[in-house]
C-alpha atoms as a PDB file:
ATOM      1  CA  MET A   1      26.527 -42.763  61.602  1.00  0.00           C
ATOM      2  CA  ILE A   2      25.476 -40.048  64.272  1.00  0.00           C
ATOM      3  CA  ASN A   3      28.460 -37.993  64.996  1.00  0.00           C
ATOM      4  CA  MET A   4      27.941 -38.153  68.805  1.00  0.00           C
ATOM      5  CA  ALA A   5      30.342 -35.278  69.316  1.00  0.00           C
ATOM      6  CA  THR A   6      28.301 -32.517  67.575  1.00  0.00           C
ATOM      7  CA  TYR A   7      24.911 -34.473  67.689  1.00  0.00           C
ATOM      8  CA  GLN A   8      22.411 -31.763  69.808  1.00  0.00           C
ATOM      9  CA  PRO A   9      18.739 -33.662  70.434  1.00  0.00           C
ATOM     10  CA  ARG A  10      16.003 -31.645  68.875  1.00  0.00           C
ATOM     11  CA  SER A  11      12.902 -30.596  71.177  1.00  0.00           C
ATOM     12  CA  PRO A  12       9.812 -31.742  69.966  1.00  0.00           C
ATOM     13  CA  SER A  13       8.156 -28.735  68.137  1.00  0.00           C
ATOM     14  CA  LEU A  14       4.315 -28.011  68.655  1.00  0.00           C
ATOM     15  CA  PRO A  15       2.296 -27.288  65.122  1.00  0.00           C
ATOM     16  CA  SER A  16       1.811 -23.252  65.511  1.00  0.00           C
ATOM     17  CA  MET A  17      -1.856 -21.826  65.798  1.00  0.00           C
ATOM     18  CA  ASN A  18      -2.086 -17.975  64.458  1.00  0.00           C
ATOM     19  CA  ILE A  19      -4.591 -17.071  66.964  1.00  0.00           C
ATOM     20  CA  SER A  20      -4.528 -13.515  65.224  1.00  0.00           C
ATOM     21  CA  GLY A  21      -5.601 -14.540  61.933  1.00  0.00           C
ATOM     22  CA  ASN A  22      -8.516 -16.493  63.422  1.00  0.00           C
ATOM     23  CA  PRO A  23     -11.650 -14.997  61.988  1.00  0.00           C
ATOM     24  CA  ILE A  24     -13.629 -15.696  64.958  1.00  0.00           C
ATOM     25  CA  VAL A  25     -10.896 -14.489  66.992  1.00  0.00           C
ATOM     26  CA  LYS A  26     -10.605 -11.129  65.226  1.00  0.00           C
ATOM     27  CA  ALA A  27     -14.701 -11.045  65.319  1.00  0.00           C
ATOM     28  CA  PHE A  28     -14.517 -11.501  69.017  1.00  0.00           C
ATOM     29  CA  LEU A  29     -11.467  -8.445  69.289  1.00  0.00           C
ATOM     30  CA  ALA A  30     -14.006  -5.792  67.065  1.00  0.00           C
ATOM     31  CA  GLY A  31     -16.916  -7.096  68.928  1.00  0.00           C
ATOM     32  CA  SER A  32     -15.322  -6.077  72.095  1.00  0.00           C
ATOM     33  CA  PHE A  33     -13.469  -2.818  70.883  1.00  0.00           C
ATOM     34  CA  SER A  34     -16.924  -1.485  69.986  1.00  0.00           C
ATOM     35  CA  GLY A  35     -18.817  -2.809  73.356  1.00  0.00           C
ATOM     36  CA  THR A  36     -16.127  -1.099  75.037  1.00  0.00           C
ATOM     37  CA  CYS A  37     -16.695   2.678  73.228  1.00  0.00           C
ATOM     38  CA  SER A  38     -20.521   1.993  73.328  1.00  0.00           C
ATOM     39  CA  THR A  39     -20.749   1.020  77.191  1.00  0.00           C
ATOM     40  CA  LEU A  40     -18.258   3.971  78.292  1.00  0.00           C
ATOM     41  CA  LEU A  41     -20.577   6.495  76.517  1.00  0.00           C
ATOM     42  CA  PHE A  42     -23.905   5.026  77.308  1.00  0.00           C
ATOM     43  CA  GLN A  43     -23.914   4.128  81.459  1.00  0.00           C
ATOM     44  CA  PRO A  44     -26.006   6.860  82.468  1.00  0.00           C
ATOM     45  CA  LEU A  45     -29.030   5.984  80.713  1.00  0.00           C
ATOM     46  CA  ASP A  46     -28.586   2.307  81.279  1.00  0.00           C
ATOM     47  CA  LEU A  47     -28.517   3.272  85.127  1.00  0.00           C
ATOM     48  CA  VAL A  48     -31.421   5.957  84.813  1.00  0.00           C
ATOM     49  CA  LYS A  49     -33.600   2.915  82.715  1.00  0.00           C
ATOM     50  CA  THR A  50     -32.919   0.522  85.880  1.00  0.00           C
ATOM     51  CA  ARG A  51     -33.763   3.202  88.602  1.00  0.00           C
ATOM     52  CA  ILE A  52     -37.159   4.339  86.829  1.00  0.00           C
ATOM     53  CA  GLN A  53     -37.814   0.444  86.455  1.00  0.00           C
ATOM     54  CA  GLN A  54     -37.331  -0.879  89.986  1.00  0.00           C
ATOM     55  CA  THR A  55     -40.352   0.968  91.600  1.00  0.00           C
ATOM     56  CA  GLU A  56     -43.634   1.114  91.072  1.00  0.00           C
ATOM     57  CA  THR A  57     -43.700   5.218  91.109  1.00  0.00           C
ATOM     58  CA  ARG A  58     -44.066   6.932  88.154  1.00  0.00           C
ATOM     59  CA  LYS A  59     -40.689   8.868  87.449  1.00  0.00           C
ATOM     60  CA  SER A  60     -39.763  10.889  84.598  1.00  0.00           C
ATOM     61  CA  MET A  61     -35.827  10.550  82.969  1.00  0.00           C
ATOM     62  CA  MET A  62     -35.022  13.792  83.348  1.00  0.00           C
ATOM     63  CA  LYS A  63     -35.968  14.287  86.825  1.00  0.00           C
ATOM     64  CA  GLU A  64     -34.219  10.806  87.364  1.00  0.00           C
ATOM     65  CA  PHE A  65     -31.100  12.423  86.132  1.00  0.00           C
ATOM     66  CA  LYS A  66     -31.066  15.068  88.091  1.00  0.00           C
ATOM     67  CA  ARG A  67     -31.773  13.028  91.292  1.00  0.00           C
ATOM     68  CA  ILE A  68     -29.030  11.246  90.496  1.00  0.00           C
ATOM     69  CA  ILE A  69     -26.326  13.985  90.144  1.00  0.00           C
ATOM     70  CA  VAL A  70     -27.618  15.720  93.320  1.00  0.00           C
ATOM     71  CA  SER A  71     -27.586  13.139  95.412  1.00  0.00           C
ATOM     72  CA  GLU A  72     -24.201  11.198  93.722  1.00  0.00           C
ATOM     73  CA  GLU A  73     -22.888  13.985  91.993  1.00  0.00           C
ATOM     74  CA  VAL A  74     -21.818  13.900  87.922  1.00  0.00           C
ATOM     75  CA  LYS A  75     -19.460  10.473  88.675  1.00  0.00           C
ATOM     76  CA  GLY A  76     -23.001   8.780  90.321  1.00  0.00           C
ATOM     77  CA  LEU A  77     -24.450   8.122  86.255  1.00  0.00           C
ATOM     78  CA  TRP A  78     -21.612   5.678  85.564  1.00  0.00           C
ATOM     79  CA  THR A  79     -22.720   3.431  88.822  1.00  0.00           C
ATOM     80  CA  GLY A  80     -22.396   0.583  87.658  1.00  0.00           C
ATOM     81  CA  LEU A  81     -19.768   0.836  84.873  1.00  0.00           C
ATOM     82  CA  ARG A  82     -17.198  -1.831  85.970  1.00  0.00           C
ATOM     83  CA  PRO A  83     -19.650  -4.894  86.060  1.00  0.00           C
ATOM     84  CA  SER A  84     -21.142  -3.165  82.569  1.00  0.00           C
ATOM     85  CA  LEU A  85     -18.283  -3.605  81.167  1.00  0.00           C
ATOM     86  CA  ILE A  86     -17.043  -6.592  82.446  1.00  0.00           C
ATOM     87  CA  ARG A  87     -20.800  -8.170  81.121  1.00  0.00           C
ATOM     88  CA  THR A  88     -20.336  -6.070  77.658  1.00  0.00           C
ATOM     89  CA  VAL A  89     -16.998  -6.169  76.788  1.00  0.00           C
ATOM     90  CA  PRO A  90     -16.589 -10.184  76.406  1.00  0.00           C
ATOM     91  CA  GLY A  91     -20.777 -10.492  75.665  1.00  0.00           C
ATOM     92  CA  VAL A  92     -20.340  -8.509  73.014  1.00  0.00           C
ATOM     93  CA  GLY A  93     -17.376 -10.216  71.276  1.00  0.00           C
ATOM     94  CA  VAL A  94     -18.770 -13.697  71.876  1.00  0.00           C
ATOM     95  CA  TYR A  95     -21.889 -11.983  70.369  1.00  0.00           C
ATOM     96  CA  PHE A  96     -19.946 -10.766  67.332  1.00  0.00           C
ATOM     97  CA  SER A  97     -17.939 -14.061  67.067  1.00  0.00           C
ATOM     98  CA  CYS A  98     -20.523 -16.493  67.505  1.00  0.00           C
ATOM     99  CA  MET A  99     -22.518 -14.083  64.674  1.00  0.00           C
ATOM    100  CA  HIS A 100     -19.773 -14.122  62.292  1.00  0.00           C
ATOM    101  CA  ALA A 101     -19.248 -18.173  62.684  1.00  0.00           C
ATOM    102  CA  VAL A 102     -23.144 -18.689  62.220  1.00  0.00           C
ATOM    103  CA  LYS A 103     -22.841 -16.589  58.926  1.00  0.00           C
ATOM    104  CA  THR A 104     -19.679 -17.886  58.013  1.00  0.00           C
ATOM    105  CA  THR A 105     -21.051 -21.783  58.205  1.00  0.00           C
ATOM    106  CA  MET A 106     -24.668 -21.661  57.693  1.00  0.00           C
ATOM    107  CA  PHE A 107     -25.152 -19.259  55.173  1.00  0.00           C
ATOM    108  CA  ALA A 108     -21.857 -18.610  52.930  1.00  0.00           C
ATOM    109  CA  GLY A 109     -21.122 -15.233  54.828  1.00  0.00           C
ATOM    110  CA  LYS A 110     -23.930 -13.386  53.273  1.00  0.00           C
ATOM    111  CA  PRO A 111     -27.381 -14.278  54.994  1.00  0.00           C
ATOM    112  CA  SER A 112     -30.789 -12.891  53.577  1.00  0.00           C
ATOM    113  CA  ALA A 113     -32.553 -10.374  55.875  1.00  0.00           C
ATOM    114  CA  THR A 114     -34.857 -13.722  57.348  1.00  0.00           C
ATOM    115  CA  GLN A 115     -32.139 -15.778  57.766  1.00  0.00           C
ATOM    116  CA  SER A 116     -30.300 -12.840  59.636  1.00  0.00           C
ATOM    117  CA  LEU A 117     -33.163 -13.118  62.132  1.00  0.00           C
ATOM    118  CA  VAL A 118     -31.675 -16.657  62.541  1.00  0.00           C
ATOM    119  CA  VAL A 119     -28.345 -15.520  62.611  1.00  0.00           C
ATOM    120  CA  GLY A 120     -28.821 -13.089  65.455  1.00  0.00           C
ATOM    121  CA  ALA A 121     -31.201 -14.921  67.621  1.00  0.00           C
ATOM    122  CA  MET A 122     -28.747 -17.698  67.740  1.00  0.00           C
ATOM    123  CA  ALA A 123     -25.708 -15.548  68.368  1.00  0.00           C
ATOM    124  CA  ARG A 124     -27.609 -13.724  71.339  1.00  0.00           C
ATOM    125  CA  THR A 125     -28.910 -16.752  73.083  1.00  0.00           C
ATOM    126  CA  LEU A 126     -25.574 -18.452  73.652  1.00  0.00           C
ATOM    127  CA  ALA A 127     -24.115 -14.938  74.803  1.00  0.00           C
ATOM    128  CA  GLY A 128     -27.089 -14.306  77.453  1.00  0.00           C
ATOM    129  CA  CYS A 129     -26.544 -17.930  78.499  1.00  0.00           C
ATOM    130  CA  ILE A 130     -22.544 -16.840  79.400  1.00  0.00           C
ATOM    131  CA  MET A 131     -23.259 -13.788  80.467  1.00  0.00           C
ATOM    132  CA  ILE A 132     -26.302 -14.033  82.978  1.00  0.00           C
ATOM    133  CA  PRO A 133     -24.192 -13.730  86.198  1.00  0.00           C
ATOM    134  CA  VAL A 134     -22.694 -10.567  85.056  1.00  0.00           C
ATOM    135  CA  THR A 135     -26.156  -8.753  84.079  1.00  0.00           C
ATOM    136  CA  VAL A 136     -27.383  -9.871  87.670  1.00  0.00           C
ATOM    137  CA  VAL A 137     -24.593  -8.207  89.393  1.00  0.00           C
ATOM    138  CA  LYS A 138     -24.800  -5.150  87.196  1.00  0.00           C
ATOM    139  CA  ILE A 139     -28.283  -4.778  88.139  1.00  0.00           C
ATOM    140  CA  ARG A 140     -27.995  -4.804  91.600  1.00  0.00           C
ATOM    141  CA  CYS A 141     -24.729  -2.372  91.808  1.00  0.00           C
ATOM    142  CA  GLU A 142     -26.792   0.616  89.595  1.00  0.00           C
ATOM    143  CA  ALA A 143     -30.496  -0.219  92.060  1.00  0.00           C
ATOM    144  CA  GLY A 144     -28.328   2.325  94.379  1.00  0.00           C
ATOM    145  CA  VAL A 145     -28.865   0.102  97.571  1.00  0.00           C
ATOM    146  CA  LEU A 146     -26.226   0.028 100.162  1.00  0.00           C
ATOM    147  CA  GLU A 147     -25.337  -3.888 100.489  1.00  0.00           C
ATOM    148  CA  TYR A 148     -24.842  -3.316  96.856  1.00  0.00           C
ATOM    149  CA  THR A 149     -22.128  -0.890  96.643  1.00  0.00           C
ATOM    150  CA  GLY A 150     -19.116  -2.870  94.862  1.00  0.00           C
ATOM    151  CA  LEU A 151     -18.740  -5.851  92.499  1.00  0.00           C
ATOM    152  CA  TYR A 152     -17.288  -7.929  95.122  1.00  0.00           C
ATOM    153  CA  ARG A 153     -19.662  -7.335  97.751  1.00  0.00           C
ATOM    154  CA  THR A 154     -22.487  -7.407  95.747  1.00  0.00           C
ATOM    155  CA  VAL A 155     -21.635 -11.148  94.619  1.00  0.00           C
ATOM    156  CA  ARG A 156     -20.961 -11.903  98.336  1.00  0.00           C
ATOM    157  CA  CYS A 157     -24.315 -10.550  98.809  1.00  0.00           C
ATOM    158  CA  ILE A 158     -26.026 -12.643  96.174  1.00  0.00           C
ATOM    159  CA  LEU A 159     -24.558 -15.875  97.112  1.00  0.00           C
ATOM    160  CA  LYS A 160     -25.662 -15.325 100.903  1.00  0.00           C
ATOM    161  CA  THR A 161     -29.082 -14.521 100.028  1.00  0.00           C
ATOM    162  CA  ASP A 162     -30.010 -16.122  96.974  1.00  0.00           C
ATOM    163  CA  GLY A 163     -27.294 -18.766  96.496  1.00  0.00           C
ATOM    164  CA  ALA A 164     -25.506 -19.954  93.539  1.00  0.00           C
ATOM    165  CA  HIS A 165     -28.897 -19.786  91.355  1.00  0.00           C
ATOM    166  CA  GLY A 166     -29.331 -16.035  92.292  1.00  0.00           C
ATOM    167  CA  LEU A 167     -26.645 -15.350  89.743  1.00  0.00           C
ATOM    168  CA  CYS A 168     -28.714 -16.530  87.232  1.00  0.00           C
ATOM    169  CA  LYS A 169     -32.008 -15.116  88.340  1.00  0.00           C
ATOM    170  CA  GLY A 170     -34.166 -13.470  85.314  1.00  0.00           C
ATOM    171  CA  LEU A 171     -32.354 -15.669  82.352  1.00  0.00           C
ATOM    172  CA  LEU A 172     -35.666 -16.780  80.680  1.00  0.00           C
ATOM    173  CA  PRO A 173     -37.109 -12.728  80.458  1.00  0.00           C
ATOM    174  CA  THR A 174     -33.626 -11.891  79.262  1.00  0.00           C
ATOM    175  CA  LEU A 175     -33.342 -14.223  76.541  1.00  0.00           C
ATOM    176  CA  LEU A 176     -37.105 -13.578  75.872  1.00  0.00           C
ATOM    177  CA  ARG A 177     -36.162  -9.760  75.853  1.00  0.00           C
ATOM    178  CA  ASP A 178     -32.476  -9.973  73.641  1.00  0.00           C
ATOM    179  CA  VAL A 179     -32.680 -12.898  71.313  1.00  0.00           C
ATOM    180  CA  PRO A 180     -35.621 -11.507  69.755  1.00  0.00           C
ATOM    181  CA  PHE A 181     -34.237  -8.022  70.263  1.00  0.00           C
ATOM    182  CA  SER A 182     -30.906  -9.256  68.372  1.00  0.00           C
ATOM    183  CA  GLY A 183     -32.714 -11.490  65.762  1.00  0.00           C
ATOM    184  CA  MET A 184     -35.057  -8.417  64.505  1.00  0.00           C
ATOM    185  CA  TYR A 185     -32.471  -5.752  65.224  1.00  0.00           C
ATOM    186  CA  LEU A 186     -30.093  -7.609  62.455  1.00  0.00           C
ATOM    187  CA  MET A 187     -32.783  -8.499  60.194  1.00  0.00           C
ATOM    188  CA  PHE A 188     -33.850  -4.860  60.168  1.00  0.00           C
ATOM    189  CA  TYR A 189     -30.393  -3.646  60.021  1.00  0.00           C
ATOM    190  CA  GLU A 190     -29.412  -5.609  57.341  1.00  0.00           C
ATOM    191  CA  MET A 191     -32.682  -4.572  55.508  1.00  0.00           C
ATOM    192  CA  LEU A 192     -31.852  -0.875  55.983  1.00  0.00           C
ATOM    193  CA  LYS A 193     -28.365  -0.780  55.115  1.00  0.00           C
ATOM    194  CA  LYS A 194     -29.573  -1.953  51.443  1.00  0.00           C
ATOM    195  CA  TYR A 195     -32.000   1.150  51.460  1.00  0.00           C
ATOM    196  CA  GLY A 196     -29.338   3.373  52.703  1.00  0.00           C
ATOM    197  CA  LYS A 197     -27.137   2.761  49.761  1.00  0.00           C
ATOM    198  CA  ASP A 198     -28.844   4.938  47.768  1.00  0.00           C
ATOM    199  CA  VAL A 199     -28.917   7.659  50.710  1.00  0.00           C
ATOM    200  CA  THR A 200     -25.215   8.708  51.160  1.00  0.00           C
ATOM    201  CA  PRO A 201     -22.239   7.255  49.900  1.00  0.00           C
ATOM    202  CA  ASN A 202     -20.255   7.847  53.033  1.00  0.00           C
ATOM    203  CA  GLN A 203     -20.309   4.085  54.711  1.00  0.00           C
ATOM    204  CA  ASN A 204     -19.880   4.871  58.043  1.00  0.00           C
ATOM    205  CA  ILE A 205     -23.138   7.603  58.340  1.00  0.00           C
ATOM    206  CA  ASN A 206     -25.517   4.934  56.597  1.00  0.00           C
ATOM    207  CA  ASN A 207     -24.033   1.984  59.054  1.00  0.00           C
ATOM    208  CA  PHE A 208     -24.752   4.256  61.814  1.00  0.00           C
ATOM    209  CA  ALA A 209     -28.104   5.864  60.672  1.00  0.00           C
ATOM    210  CA  CYS A 210     -29.290   1.728  59.623  1.00  0.00           C
ATOM    211  CA  GLY A 211     -28.201   0.924  63.585  1.00  0.00           C
ATOM    212  CA  ILE A 212     -30.480   3.931  64.727  1.00  0.00           C
ATOM    213  CA  GLY A 213     -33.813   2.749  62.880  1.00  0.00           C
ATOM    214  CA  ALA A 214     -33.149  -0.754  63.577  1.00  0.00           C
ATOM    215  CA  GLY A 215     -32.739  -0.084  67.560  1.00  0.00           C
ATOM    216  CA  ALA A 216     -35.535   1.592  67.942  1.00  0.00           C
ATOM    217  CA  LEU A 217     -37.841  -1.225  65.896  1.00  0.00           C
ATOM    218  CA  ALA A 218     -36.576  -3.900  67.928  1.00  0.00           C
ATOM    219  CA  SER A 219     -36.427  -1.978  71.342  1.00  0.00           C
ATOM    220  CA  LEU A 220     -40.307  -1.065  71.113  1.00  0.00           C
ATOM    221  CA  VAL A 221     -40.944  -4.820  70.588  1.00  0.00           C
ATOM    222  CA  THR A 222     -38.815  -6.204  73.511  1.00  0.00           C
ATOM    223  CA  GLN A 223     -39.564  -3.639  76.140  1.00  0.00           C
ATOM    224  CA  PRO A 224     -42.067  -5.321  78.196  1.00  0.00           C
ATOM    225  CA  ALA A 225     -39.522  -8.397  78.936  1.00  0.00           C
ATOM    226  CA  ASP A 226     -37.143  -5.661  79.672  1.00  0.00           C
ATOM    227  CA  VAL A 227     -39.211  -4.231  82.704  1.00  0.00           C
ATOM    228  CA  ILE A 228     -39.887  -8.151  83.936  1.00  0.00           C
ATOM    229  CA  LYS A 229     -36.316  -8.799  83.809  1.00  0.00           C
ATOM    230  CA  THR A 230     -35.734  -6.387  85.897  1.00  0.00           C
ATOM    231  CA  ARG A 231     -37.960  -6.531  88.590  1.00  0.00           C
ATOM    232  CA  LEU A 232     -37.111 -10.101  88.619  1.00  0.00           C
ATOM    233  CA  GLN A 233     -33.332  -9.230  89.194  1.00  0.00           C
ATOM    234  CA  LEU A 234     -33.538  -7.199  92.097  1.00  0.00           C
ATOM    235  CA  PHE A 235     -36.656  -8.830  93.439  1.00  0.00           C
ATOM    236  CA  PRO A 236     -35.837 -12.478  92.982  1.00  0.00           C
ATOM    237  CA  ALA A 237     -38.547 -14.284  95.142  1.00  0.00           C
ATOM    238  CA  GLN A 238     -40.904 -14.123  92.646  1.00  0.00           C
ATOM    239  CA  SER A 239     -41.453 -15.481  89.505  1.00  0.00           C
ATOM    240  CA  ALA A 240     -41.762 -13.993  85.604  1.00  0.00           C
ATOM    241  CA  LEU A 241     -45.797 -14.672  86.020  1.00  0.00           C
ATOM    242  CA  THR A 242     -46.399 -13.125  89.626  1.00  0.00           C
ATOM    243  CA  ALA A 243     -43.538  -9.988  88.487  1.00  0.00           C
ATOM    244  CA  ALA A 244     -45.976 -10.022  85.211  1.00  0.00           C
ATOM    245  CA  ARG A 245     -49.591  -9.884  86.897  1.00  0.00           C
ATOM    246  CA  GLN A 246     -48.073  -7.624  89.567  1.00  0.00           C
ATOM    247  CA  ILE A 247     -47.264  -4.632  86.944  1.00  0.00           C
ATOM    248  CA  ALA A 248     -50.521  -5.391  85.083  1.00  0.00           C
ATOM    249  CA  LEU A 249     -52.744  -4.825  88.184  1.00  0.00           C
ATOM    250  CA  GLY A 250     -50.648  -2.091  89.811  1.00  0.00           C
ATOM    251  CA  GLU A 251     -49.586  -0.156  86.883  1.00  0.00           C
ATOM    252  CA  GLY A 252     -51.745  -1.341  84.063  1.00  0.00           C
ATOM    253  CA  ALA A 253     -50.463  -1.798  80.333  1.00  0.00           C
ATOM    254  CA  GLY A 254     -48.042   1.496  80.579  1.00  0.00           C
ATOM    255  CA  GLY A 255     -46.354  -0.547  83.526  1.00  0.00           C
ATOM    256  CA  PHE A 256     -44.529  -2.338  80.817  1.00  0.00           C
ATOM    257  CA  LEU A 257     -43.560   0.477  78.977  1.00  0.00           C
ATOM    258  CA  ARG A 258     -41.324   1.931  82.087  1.00  0.00           C
ATOM    259  CA  GLY A 259     -37.764   3.271  81.076  1.00  0.00           C
ATOM    260  CA  PHE A 260     -38.930   2.707  77.455  1.00  0.00           C
ATOM    261  CA  VAL A 261     -37.045   6.642  76.615  1.00  0.00           C
ATOM    262  CA  PRO A 262     -33.860   5.990  78.539  1.00  0.00           C
ATOM    263  CA  ARG A 263     -33.357   1.916  77.172  1.00  0.00           C
ATOM    264  CA  THR A 264     -34.472   2.830  74.180  1.00  0.00           C
ATOM    265  CA  LEU A 265     -32.025   5.513  73.409  1.00  0.00           C
ATOM    266  CA  ARG A 266     -29.218   3.614  74.840  1.00  0.00           C
ATOM    267  CA  ARG A 267     -29.571   0.602  73.154  1.00  0.00           C
ATOM    268  CA  THR A 268     -30.388   2.272  69.685  1.00  0.00           C
ATOM    269  CA  LEU A 269     -27.498   4.666  70.337  1.00  0.00           C
ATOM    270  CA  MET A 270     -25.417   2.280  71.822  1.00  0.00           C
ATOM    271  CA  ALA A 271     -26.399  -0.477  69.022  1.00  0.00           C
ATOM    272  CA  ALA A 272     -25.710   1.979  66.137  1.00  0.00           C
ATOM    273  CA  LEU A 273     -21.984   2.931  67.412  1.00  0.00           C
ATOM    274  CA  ALA A 274     -21.158  -0.925  68.173  1.00  0.00           C
ATOM    275  CA  TRP A 275     -22.159  -1.779  64.809  1.00  0.00           C
ATOM    276  CA  THR A 276     -20.264   1.509  62.882  1.00  0.00           C
ATOM    277  CA  VAL A 277     -17.259   0.540  64.909  1.00  0.00           C
ATOM    278  CA  TYR A 278     -17.231  -3.080  64.398  1.00  0.00           C
ATOM    279  CA  GLU A 279     -17.822  -2.954  60.820  1.00  0.00           C
ATOM    280  CA  LYS A 280     -14.935  -0.726  60.607  1.00  0.00           C
ATOM    281  CA  ALA A 281     -13.039  -2.693  62.675  1.00  0.00           C
ATOM    282  CA  VAL A 282     -13.782  -5.812  60.743  1.00  0.00           C
ATOM    283  CA  ARG A 283     -13.027  -4.034  57.931  1.00  0.00           C
ATOM    284  CA  ASN A 284      -9.680  -2.959  59.088  1.00  0.00           C
ATOM    285  CA  LEU A 285      -8.846  -6.326  60.271  1.00  0.00           C
ATOM    286  CA  GLY A 286      -9.834  -8.104  57.143  1.00  0.00           C
ATOM    287  CA  LEU A 287     -12.898  -9.836  57.490  1.00  0.00           C
ATOM    288  CA  LYS A 288     -14.522  -7.995  54.772  1.00  0.00           C
END
């Protein structure tokens, strides 16, 4: 018999979800933290790369640095930082969490160098599709054009002039640039790490050096797609084929390497730092 005087009904309990213990969440947090650090440090290189690529006039990296500092002061080197952070922090987190999921489900957590190519490409495809609107906004903010002075103003201007599809402009060349880059980067990174163990016992130095080497190799192969992608996102009325033809006829083969130095410096150092911080974070979070 139930004693109604002392009976207290129990509220239905939901099953507990230990989100903090989820390895995918841990990978996302570690990737987001590494992306924040690298973006804050290397945003000036990304800005200079965009400014160099937006015109057909040949510019040197150092002259563009000086021009920005003179006309916009030192803080001008961090123009576009907000959309860069909005893109990079979740974008790198999505990439690393997808990468961890693919590695553990398809390759038992230990892919070979060739399998790492597939892992990096699959993770970057998903992250790139999710983050393309923020990438477009970031490029417009970095261009230094008057109507693109502010995050929300830039979004309104794109929607007004190009419609909603304008926020996805340049998706194909972005994927053609980022998917091979991420696949080759991860493949080179895993290959170099095996050889690097014999060079230095310091794991952080080894990871950073391997990141620099992998970033330089992957950047060289994907530079032409980066130039075309930037032109499309700055001048959305043209197609990728038209942009490529215009670059080839107006600037020659060298036009496809425009902005190579600042992009390679930024992507190489950014990726090396991001992977070093990520490897350290996942060890501390218990993923390794």
